[in-house]
């Protein structure tokens, strides 16, 4: 990474032009300035160089790179990459970093910028490059999603070198192995901190599961342990990402076997969801469960983090008009979702990862991104600004009755999704 790559990726004149367009199209100076603060945040505060000078994206107030978060953090900048080569260079470099890290440890979700050994003391992982080894299938799906979108927007293929191909093969093989987690997986995760969601039961193997055709995940996108091992939005997103990989393998890498394997596995995951992940609700009809175990247990809820059930159309997993999605949306945006909260300042989806009655700006932004109504999108943009607690930036979560009570003073992923909503609302994405 050249010393000036970050500054070159988003020069002041480019940001000024984009803010002016946002202000003009919304008719709101307030929205324009809120966009400026959040859009500049990731570039200014989270882009670093690793110990070999390659781009590295920390999650924000935690000095580690999450494969999932870093993909979402860069999503609002993809539009600029179409015509601005330095931004394209930066994103291509980050994609390269993501796939290189997958080859370091394919079960890890977060990594250190250098082999410092930082992370959680007591975790049974002795690689100093790894911050955390919580296995989450979104750690594979999001980098594939980012790479595919980047290629489609820019035509760039230089990110898809030997490390990309090696990581892609690992992804397919590991997702397939974890279809039979009980019999075949050697992965275990134990963290002795006395918090149930921070560790896996049965000595780190996790709660029992039966074979469904879906692939197992130890943890959710929130980094909380799954209640049941088959996370339905994660499997639908993994199936979508595998189809993206099949296209990349065919058109860029020239590996038809990889393409065929990815396409076949995508079909198996999607079929597993159809057979086991859709359940009948007495009031809403057929809906997507959030998690199942293949043994008859089902969890009906949604979590604020992506991939969520709410986010499925925006991630390209289902159509916005899909009747099962529409029924699911009605359920999860209601008190029937145990993590849907309504208060005097806001209403929306929160997470067991944060205190009760805390709504997440990520979920509010996703609610807007999956709405076909411009007025609803504008309402949510205004709501997000109104609930920033006076900080000018987005948080992880905030109290639905008192937005000055929040977790994390600023959260890069939330800032990114806020900007993405504005860009799509104004047709500037």
Protein backbone atom coordinates (compact mmCIF):
# COMPACT_ATOMS: atom_id res chain seq x y z
CA UNK A 1 0.00 0.00 0.00
CA UNK A 2 1.50 3.32 -1.03
CA UNK A 3 1.67 5.94 1.73
CA UNK A 4 -0.93 8.15 0.03
CA UNK A 5 -3.35 5.44 -1.12
CA UNK A 6 -5.95 6.26 1.54
CA UNK A 7 -5.86 10.00 0.80
CA UNK A 8 -5.94 9.33 -2.92
CA UNK A 9 -8.91 6.97 -2.56
CA UNK A 10 -11.18 9.71 -1.23
CA UNK A 11 -9.77 13.16 -2.04
CA UNK A 12 -11.58 16.16 -0.57
CA UNK A 13 -12.93 17.28 -3.92
CA UNK A 14 -14.53 13.90 -4.58
CA UNK A 15 -16.16 13.86 -1.14
CA UNK A 16 -17.35 17.45 -1.59
CA UNK A 17 -18.97 16.60 -4.91
CA UNK A 18 -20.72 13.57 -3.46
CA UNK A 19 -21.98 15.50 -0.42
CA UNK A 20 -23.28 18.24 -2.71
CA UNK A 21 -25.20 15.68 -4.74
CA UNK A 22 -26.67 14.12 -1.58
CA UNK A 23 -27.68 17.56 -0.28
CA UNK A 24 -29.25 18.55 -3.58
CA UNK A 25 -31.20 15.34 -4.07
CA UNK A 26 -32.51 15.21 -0.50
CA UNK A 27 -33.04 18.94 -0.20
CA UNK A 28 -31.45 18.72 3.22
CA UNK A 29 -28.20 20.25 4.40
CA UNK A 30 -28.57 18.22 7.59
CA UNK A 31 -28.57 14.92 5.68
CA UNK A 32 -25.65 16.07 3.55
CA UNK A 33 -23.51 16.86 6.58
CA UNK A 34 -24.50 13.66 8.38
CA UNK A 35 -23.51 11.75 5.24
CA UNK A 36 -20.16 13.57 5.12
CA UNK A 37 -19.30 12.59 8.68
CA UNK A 38 -20.18 8.92 8.29
CA UNK A 39 -18.82 8.48 4.76
CA UNK A 40 -15.44 9.89 5.74
CA UNK A 41 -15.32 7.79 8.90
CA UNK A 42 -14.14 4.45 7.49
CA UNK A 43 -11.50 5.96 5.24
CA UNK A 44 -10.22 8.27 7.96
CA UNK A 45 -10.28 5.93 10.95
CA UNK A 46 -10.25 2.26 9.94
CA UNK A 47 -7.97 1.86 6.91
CA UNK A 48 -4.48 0.89 8.00
CA UNK A 49 -1.50 -0.97 6.58
CA UNK A 50 -0.53 -4.41 7.83
CA UNK A 51 3.04 -5.29 8.75
CA UNK A 52 3.88 -5.74 5.04
CA UNK A 53 2.19 -2.52 3.90
CA UNK A 54 -1.01 -4.12 2.57
CA UNK A 55 -4.44 -2.54 3.27
CA UNK A 56 -6.11 -3.70 6.46
CA UNK A 57 -9.52 -2.58 7.77
CA UNK A 58 -10.08 -2.52 11.51
CA UNK A 59 -13.66 -2.77 12.69
CA UNK A 60 -13.42 0.59 14.44
CA UNK A 61 -12.92 0.88 18.18
CA UNK A 62 -11.55 -2.68 18.19
CA UNK A 63 -8.11 -2.89 16.50
CA UNK A 64 -8.83 -6.07 14.52
CA UNK A 65 -10.19 -6.90 11.06
CA UNK A 66 -13.39 -8.89 10.79
CA UNK A 67 -13.90 -10.53 7.39
CA UNK A 68 -17.63 -9.79 7.56
CA UNK A 69 -17.44 -6.22 8.86
CA UNK A 70 -14.70 -5.13 6.48
CA UNK A 71 -16.79 -6.19 3.48
CA UNK A 72 -19.82 -4.21 4.64
CA UNK A 73 -17.65 -1.25 5.64
CA UNK A 74 -16.46 -0.89 2.05
CA UNK A 75 -19.85 -1.37 0.36
CA UNK A 76 -20.71 2.37 0.10
CA UNK A 77 -17.42 3.07 -1.68
CA UNK A 78 -17.99 0.61 -4.52
CA UNK A 79 -19.78 3.20 -6.64
CA UNK A 80 -16.75 5.50 -6.52
CA UNK A 81 -14.50 2.61 -7.55
CA UNK A 82 -16.21 2.47 -10.96
CA UNK A 83 -14.55 5.68 -12.11
CA UNK A 84 -11.88 6.46 -9.52
CA UNK A 85 -8.88 4.15 -9.83
CA UNK A 86 -7.32 4.88 -6.39
CA UNK A 87 -10.54 3.77 -4.66
CA UNK A 88 -10.60 0.65 -6.83
CA UNK A 89 -6.97 -0.01 -5.89
CA UNK A 90 -7.81 0.24 -2.20
CA UNK A 91 -10.79 -2.11 -2.41
CA UNK A 92 -8.87 -4.61 -4.54
CA UNK A 93 -6.14 -4.58 -1.92
CA UNK A 94 -8.60 -5.22 0.90
CA UNK A 95 -10.14 -8.13 -1.00
CA UNK A 96 -6.66 -9.56 -1.39
CA UNK A 97 -6.11 -9.21 2.36
CA UNK A 98 -9.42 -10.94 3.13
CA UNK A 99 -8.70 -14.01 1.04
CA UNK A 100 -5.13 -14.24 2.28
CA UNK A 101 -6.42 -14.26 5.86
CA UNK A 102 -8.85 -17.08 5.02
CA UNK A 103 -5.84 -19.19 4.08
CA UNK A 104 -4.24 -18.36 7.46
CA UNK A 105 -7.14 -19.88 9.42
CA UNK A 106 -10.44 -20.66 7.74
CA UNK A 107 -12.27 -20.97 11.08
CA UNK A 108 -11.22 -17.54 12.35
CA UNK A 109 -13.51 -14.54 12.06
CA UNK A 110 -11.14 -11.72 13.06
CA UNK A 111 -7.42 -11.07 12.64
CA UNK A 112 -4.64 -8.87 13.98
CA UNK A 113 -2.85 -6.37 11.78
CA UNK A 114 0.46 -8.01 12.73
CA UNK A 115 1.32 -11.21 14.67
CA UNK A 116 0.88 -9.47 18.03
CA UNK A 117 -1.11 -12.16 19.83
CA UNK A 118 -3.82 -9.63 20.70
CA UNK A 119 -7.33 -10.94 21.25
CA UNK A 120 -9.05 -12.86 24.02
CA UNK A 121 -6.75 -14.35 26.68
CA UNK A 122 -7.47 -18.00 27.28
CA UNK A 123 -8.78 -18.84 23.82
CA UNK A 124 -7.34 -22.12 22.59
CA UNK A 125 -5.65 -20.55 19.57
CA UNK A 126 -1.91 -20.04 19.55
CA UNK A 127 -1.55 -18.23 16.20
CA UNK A 128 -0.60 -14.61 17.05
CA UNK A 129 -2.19 -13.38 13.79
CA UNK A 130 -5.68 -14.33 14.98
CA UNK A 131 -7.82 -12.07 17.13
CA UNK A 132 -10.73 -14.52 17.44
CA UNK A 133 -11.59 -17.96 16.10
CA UNK A 134 -15.37 -17.96 16.17
CA UNK A 135 -16.53 -19.88 13.11
CA UNK A 136 -19.17 -17.92 11.21
CA UNK A 137 -20.21 -18.76 7.66
CA UNK A 138 -20.70 -15.07 6.89
CA UNK A 139 -16.90 -14.77 7.17
CA UNK A 140 -16.81 -16.61 3.82
CA UNK A 141 -19.96 -15.20 2.25
CA UNK A 142 -19.25 -11.51 2.71
CA UNK A 143 -15.77 -11.45 1.07
CA UNK A 144 -17.16 -13.43 -1.89
CA UNK A 145 -20.07 -10.99 -2.12
CA UNK A 146 -17.69 -8.01 -2.06
CA UNK A 147 -15.35 -9.52 -4.65
CA UNK A 148 -18.21 -10.30 -7.01
CA UNK A 149 -19.76 -6.84 -6.70
CA UNK A 150 -16.35 -5.21 -7.19
CA UNK A 151 -15.70 -7.23 -10.33
CA UNK A 152 -19.15 -6.51 -11.76
CA UNK A 153 -18.81 -2.77 -11.12
CA UNK A 154 -15.19 -2.23 -12.17
CA UNK A 155 -14.23 -5.14 -14.41
CA UNK A 156 -11.07 -5.56 -12.34
CA UNK A 157 -9.73 -9.09 -12.03
CA UNK A 158 -6.33 -8.51 -10.44
CA UNK A 159 -7.66 -9.44 -6.98
CA UNK A 160 -8.25 -13.04 -8.12
CA UNK A 161 -4.75 -14.44 -7.94
CA UNK A 162 -3.33 -17.62 -6.44
CA UNK A 163 -4.33 -16.74 -2.85
CA UNK A 164 -7.88 -15.99 -3.94
CA UNK A 165 -8.12 -19.32 -5.74
CA UNK A 166 -6.65 -21.21 -2.79
CA UNK A 167 -9.04 -19.54 -0.35
CA UNK A 168 -12.00 -20.19 -2.66
CA UNK A 169 -11.18 -23.89 -2.67
CA UNK A 170 -10.94 -23.87 1.13
CA UNK A 171 -14.32 -22.14 1.39
CA UNK A 172 -16.13 -24.72 -0.73
CA UNK A 173 -14.48 -27.67 0.99
CA UNK A 174 -15.10 -26.36 4.50
CA UNK A 175 -18.74 -25.43 3.91
CA UNK A 176 -19.26 -28.94 2.59
CA UNK A 177 -17.45 -30.58 5.50
CA UNK A 178 -19.57 -28.60 7.96
CA UNK A 179 -22.75 -29.97 6.40
CA UNK A 180 -21.97 -32.99 8.59
CA UNK A 181 -20.62 -31.18 11.61
CA UNK A 182 -21.43 -33.93 14.11
CA UNK A 183 -19.46 -36.66 12.36
CA UNK A 184 -16.72 -34.86 10.45
CA UNK A 185 -15.75 -31.57 12.05
CA UNK A 186 -12.64 -31.17 14.19
CA UNK A 187 -13.55 -27.58 15.08
CA UNK A 188 -14.09 -26.81 18.76
CA UNK A 189 -14.49 -23.47 20.52
CA UNK A 190 -14.40 -22.97 24.29
CA UNK A 191 -14.10 -19.60 26.04
CA UNK A 192 -14.24 -19.76 29.81
CA UNK A 193 -15.72 -16.38 30.65
CA UNK A 194 -19.02 -17.47 32.18
CA UNK A 195 -21.16 -16.06 29.36
CA UNK A 196 -23.21 -18.68 27.54
CA UNK A 197 -23.21 -16.90 24.17
CA UNK A 198 -19.40 -16.63 24.18
CA UNK A 199 -18.72 -20.36 24.02
CA UNK A 200 -20.05 -23.59 22.52
CA UNK A 201 -21.58 -26.42 24.53
CA UNK A 202 -20.45 -30.06 24.61
CA UNK A 203 -16.80 -29.24 24.99
CA UNK A 204 -16.85 -26.76 22.12
CA UNK A 205 -18.72 -28.91 19.59
CA UNK A 206 -21.97 -26.98 19.95
CA UNK A 207 -25.59 -28.06 20.40
CA UNK A 208 -26.58 -31.31 18.63
CA UNK A 209 -27.71 -31.11 15.01
CA UNK A 210 -29.13 -33.51 12.46
CA UNK A 211 -28.21 -33.58 8.78
CA UNK A 212 -30.28 -31.11 6.71
CA UNK A 213 -28.11 -30.28 3.71
CA UNK A 214 -27.42 -26.87 5.23
CA UNK A 215 -23.96 -25.98 6.52
CA UNK A 216 -23.29 -25.54 10.24
CA UNK A 217 -22.15 -22.33 11.92
CA UNK A 218 -20.91 -22.00 15.47
CA UNK A 219 -21.66 -18.31 15.77
CA UNK A 220 -24.01 -15.68 14.38
CA UNK A 221 -22.99 -12.44 12.64
CA UNK A 222 -23.26 -10.85 16.11
CA UNK A 223 -20.41 -13.15 17.25
CA UNK A 224 -22.90 -14.75 19.67
CA UNK A 225 -23.15 -18.54 19.72
CA UNK A 226 -25.95 -20.02 17.64
CA UNK A 227 -28.79 -21.53 19.64
CA UNK A 228 -29.24 -24.10 16.88
CA UNK A 229 -26.46 -24.92 14.45
CA UNK A 230 -28.11 -24.03 11.14
CA UNK A 231 -28.43 -20.28 10.74
CA UNK A 232 -30.97 -19.78 7.96
CA UNK A 233 -30.02 -16.29 6.69
CA UNK A 234 -26.37 -17.36 6.83
CA UNK A 235 -27.10 -20.40 4.68
CA UNK A 236 -29.11 -18.40 2.14
CA UNK A 237 -26.30 -15.85 1.93
CA UNK A 238 -23.69 -18.61 1.62
CA UNK A 239 -25.68 -20.13 -1.27
CA UNK A 240 -25.77 -16.74 -2.99
CA UNK A 241 -22.05 -16.20 -2.43
CA UNK A 242 -21.25 -19.66 -3.81
CA UNK A 243 -23.14 -18.82 -6.99
CA UNK A 244 -21.06 -15.65 -7.20
CA UNK A 245 -17.95 -17.79 -6.77
CA UNK A 246 -19.09 -20.13 -9.54
CA UNK A 247 -19.30 -17.16 -11.90
CA UNK A 248 -15.90 -15.84 -10.83
CA UNK A 249 -14.36 -19.31 -11.18
CA UNK A 250 -15.75 -19.65 -14.70
CA UNK A 251 -15.07 -16.18 -16.06
CA UNK A 252 -11.92 -15.11 -14.21
CA UNK A 253 -10.08 -17.98 -12.59
CA UNK A 254 -10.72 -20.56 -15.30
CA UNK A 255 -11.41 -23.38 -12.84
CA UNK A 256 -14.50 -25.25 -13.98
CA UNK A 257 -14.24 -27.86 -11.27
CA UNK A 258 -14.34 -25.14 -8.61
CA UNK A 259 -17.29 -23.52 -10.38
CA UNK A 260 -19.21 -26.80 -10.57
CA UNK A 261 -18.51 -27.65 -6.93
CA UNK A 262 -19.62 -24.18 -5.78
CA UNK A 263 -22.79 -24.33 -7.86
CA UNK A 264 -23.72 -27.78 -6.60
CA UNK A 265 -23.13 -26.85 -2.98
CA UNK A 266 -25.18 -23.68 -3.38
CA UNK A 267 -28.08 -25.78 -4.56
CA UNK A 268 -27.75 -28.13 -1.59
CA UNK A 269 -27.76 -25.28 0.91
CA UNK A 270 -30.78 -23.64 -0.70
CA UNK A 271 -32.62 -26.95 -0.82
CA UNK A 272 -31.82 -27.52 2.86
CA UNK A 273 -33.39 -24.18 3.69
CA UNK A 274 -36.48 -25.02 1.65
CA UNK A 275 -36.92 -28.36 3.40
CA UNK A 276 -35.95 -27.41 6.95
CA UNK A 277 -35.69 -23.62 7.28
CA UNK A 278 -39.21 -22.62 6.28
CA UNK A 279 -41.87 -23.18 8.92
CA UNK A 280 -45.60 -22.58 9.19
CA UNK A 281 -46.63 -19.72 11.46
CA UNK A 282 -50.26 -19.65 12.65
CA UNK A 283 -50.73 -15.98 11.76
CA UNK A 284 -48.18 -15.28 9.03
CA UNK A 285 -48.12 -18.53 7.06
CA UNK A 286 -44.81 -19.84 5.73
CA UNK A 287 -41.85 -17.89 7.16
CA UNK A 288 -38.10 -18.32 7.35
CA UNK A 289 -36.84 -19.47 10.72
CA UNK A 290 -33.73 -17.78 12.06
CA UNK A 291 -32.11 -21.03 13.21
CA UNK A 292 -32.98 -24.72 13.17
CA UNK A 293 -31.16 -27.87 14.25
CA UNK A 294 -32.58 -30.57 11.98
CA UNK A 295 -33.92 -32.33 15.06
CA UNK A 296 -37.24 -30.51 15.23
CA UNK A 297 -36.19 -27.36 17.08
CA UNK A 298 -36.84 -23.98 15.49
CA UNK A 299 -36.02 -20.39 16.51
CA UNK A 300 -38.28 -17.62 15.20
CA UNK A 301 -36.56 -14.24 15.57
CA UNK A 302 -34.21 -11.93 13.74
CA UNK A 303 -30.97 -10.30 14.81
CA UNK A 304 -29.78 -6.84 13.82
CA UNK A 305 -26.53 -8.06 12.28
CA UNK A 306 -26.22 -9.08 8.63
CA UNK A 307 -26.84 -11.52 7.16
CA UNK A 308 -30.23 -11.20 8.81
CA UNK A 309 -33.60 -12.36 7.60
CA UNK A 310 -34.49 -8.70 7.05
CA UNK A 311 -31.44 -8.16 4.81
CA UNK A 312 -32.01 -11.10 2.43
CA UNK A 313 -33.24 -9.08 -0.60
CA UNK A 314 -30.49 -6.48 -0.29
CA UNK A 315 -27.86 -9.22 -0.19
CA UNK A 316 -29.35 -10.77 -3.33
CA UNK A 317 -30.63 -13.93 -1.63
CA UNK A 318 -34.35 -13.56 -2.36
CA UNK A 319 -36.61 -11.20 -4.27
CA UNK A 320 -38.25 -8.40 -2.33
CA UNK A 321 -41.59 -9.75 -3.54
CA UNK A 322 -40.92 -13.33 -2.40
CA UNK A 323 -44.04 -14.28 -0.39
CA UNK A 324 -42.06 -16.16 2.27
CA UNK A 325 -39.82 -13.13 2.73
CA UNK A 326 -42.81 -10.77 2.90
CA UNK A 327 -44.42 -12.92 5.58
CA UNK A 328 -41.11 -13.17 7.46
CA UNK A 329 -40.63 -9.41 7.27
CA UNK A 330 -44.05 -8.81 8.79
CA UNK A 331 -43.21 -11.15 11.65
CA UNK A 332 -39.75 -9.84 12.47
CA UNK A 333 -40.83 -6.18 12.30
CA UNK A 334 -43.36 -6.83 15.03
CA UNK A 335 -43.35 -7.70 18.74
CA UNK A 336 -43.50 -11.37 17.73
CA UNK A 337 -39.75 -11.02 17.15
CA UNK A 338 -38.34 -11.07 20.70
CA UNK A 339 -35.66 -8.58 19.62
CA UNK A 340 -38.01 -6.04 18.04
CA UNK A 341 -38.35 -3.05 20.34
CA UNK A 342 -40.68 -0.05 20.31
CA UNK A 343 -40.07 3.09 22.35
CA UNK A 344 -40.65 6.82 22.44
CA UNK A 345 -37.65 7.57 20.19
CA UNK A 346 -37.55 4.63 17.77
CA UNK A 347 -38.77 1.18 16.86
CA UNK A 348 -36.71 -1.52 15.22
CA UNK A 349 -34.65 -4.67 15.58
CA UNK A 350 -31.99 -5.10 18.24
CA UNK A 351 -29.90 -8.05 19.34
CA UNK A 352 -29.20 -10.30 22.31
CA UNK A 353 -25.64 -9.03 21.88
CA UNK A 354 -26.64 -5.66 23.38
CA UNK A 355 -28.92 -4.64 26.27
CA UNK A 356 -32.69 -5.17 26.02
CA UNK A 357 -34.60 -2.39 24.24
CA UNK A 358 -31.53 -1.28 22.30
CA UNK A 359 -32.22 -0.89 18.55
CA UNK A 360 -29.37 -1.13 16.05
CA UNK A 361 -28.79 1.53 13.37
CA UNK A 362 -27.61 -1.28 11.06
CA UNK A 363 -31.07 -2.85 11.24
CA UNK A 364 -32.82 0.49 10.71
CA UNK A 365 -30.68 1.11 7.62
CA UNK A 366 -31.40 -2.39 6.33
CA UNK A 367 -35.10 -1.82 6.92
CA UNK A 368 -34.82 1.16 4.58
CA UNK A 369 -32.68 -0.67 2.04
CA UNK A 370 -35.30 -3.41 1.79
CA UNK A 371 -38.21 -0.98 1.44
CA UNK A 372 -39.61 -0.09 -1.98
CA UNK A 373 -41.09 3.15 -0.59
CA UNK A 374 -38.91 6.30 -0.89
CA UNK A 375 -40.93 7.97 1.88
CA UNK A 376 -40.12 5.10 4.24
CA UNK A 377 -36.44 5.31 3.32
CA UNK A 378 -36.45 9.05 4.04
CA UNK A 379 -38.22 8.50 7.36
CA UNK A 380 -35.52 6.06 8.42
CA UNK A 381 -32.70 8.37 7.30
CA UNK A 382 -34.15 11.15 9.43
CA UNK A 383 -34.68 8.74 12.34
CA UNK A 384 -31.06 7.61 12.21
CA UNK A 385 -29.85 11.20 12.39
CA UNK A 386 -32.30 12.02 15.19
CA UNK A 387 -31.05 9.10 17.29
CA UNK A 388 -27.28 9.59 17.00
CA UNK A 389 -27.15 10.76 20.62
CA UNK A 390 -25.62 14.07 19.56
CA UNK A 391 -22.40 12.43 18.39
CA UNK A 392 -22.91 12.86 14.65
CA UNK A 393 -22.10 9.20 14.01
CA UNK A 394 -23.91 5.86 14.14
CA UNK A 395 -23.63 3.50 17.10
CA UNK A 396 -23.87 -0.23 17.60
CA UNK A 397 -27.18 0.08 19.47
CA UNK A 398 -29.17 2.73 21.33
CA UNK A 399 -32.00 2.84 23.86
CA UNK A 400 -35.36 3.15 22.09
CA UNK A 401 -36.49 5.63 24.76
CA UNK A 402 -33.23 7.55 25.21
CA UNK A 403 -30.80 7.67 22.27
CA UNK A 404 -28.14 9.30 24.45
CA UNK A 405 -27.69 5.83 25.95
CA UNK A 406 -25.80 3.75 23.40
CA UNK A 407 -23.12 1.11 22.90
CA UNK A 408 -19.93 2.07 21.04
CA UNK A 409 -19.50 5.83 20.45
CA UNK A 410 -19.12 5.08 16.75
CA UNK A 411 -19.38 1.90 14.76
CA UNK A 412 -17.90 1.83 11.27
CA UNK A 413 -20.24 -0.87 9.97
CA UNK A 414 -23.27 1.17 11.10
CA UNK A 415 -21.85 4.32 9.52
CA UNK A 416 -21.42 2.41 6.27
CA UNK A 417 -24.98 1.11 6.20
CA UNK A 418 -26.34 4.59 6.98
CA UNK A 419 -24.39 5.92 3.98
CA UNK A 420 -25.53 3.04 1.79
CA UNK A 421 -29.16 3.85 2.56
CA UNK A 422 -28.64 7.49 1.61
CA UNK A 423 -26.81 6.56 -1.60
CA UNK A 424 -29.56 4.19 -2.70
CA UNK A 425 -32.33 6.57 -1.68
CA UNK A 426 -30.75 9.32 -3.79
CA UNK A 427 -29.84 6.91 -6.63
CA UNK A 428 -26.16 7.71 -6.21
CA UNK A 429 -25.01 4.17 -5.35
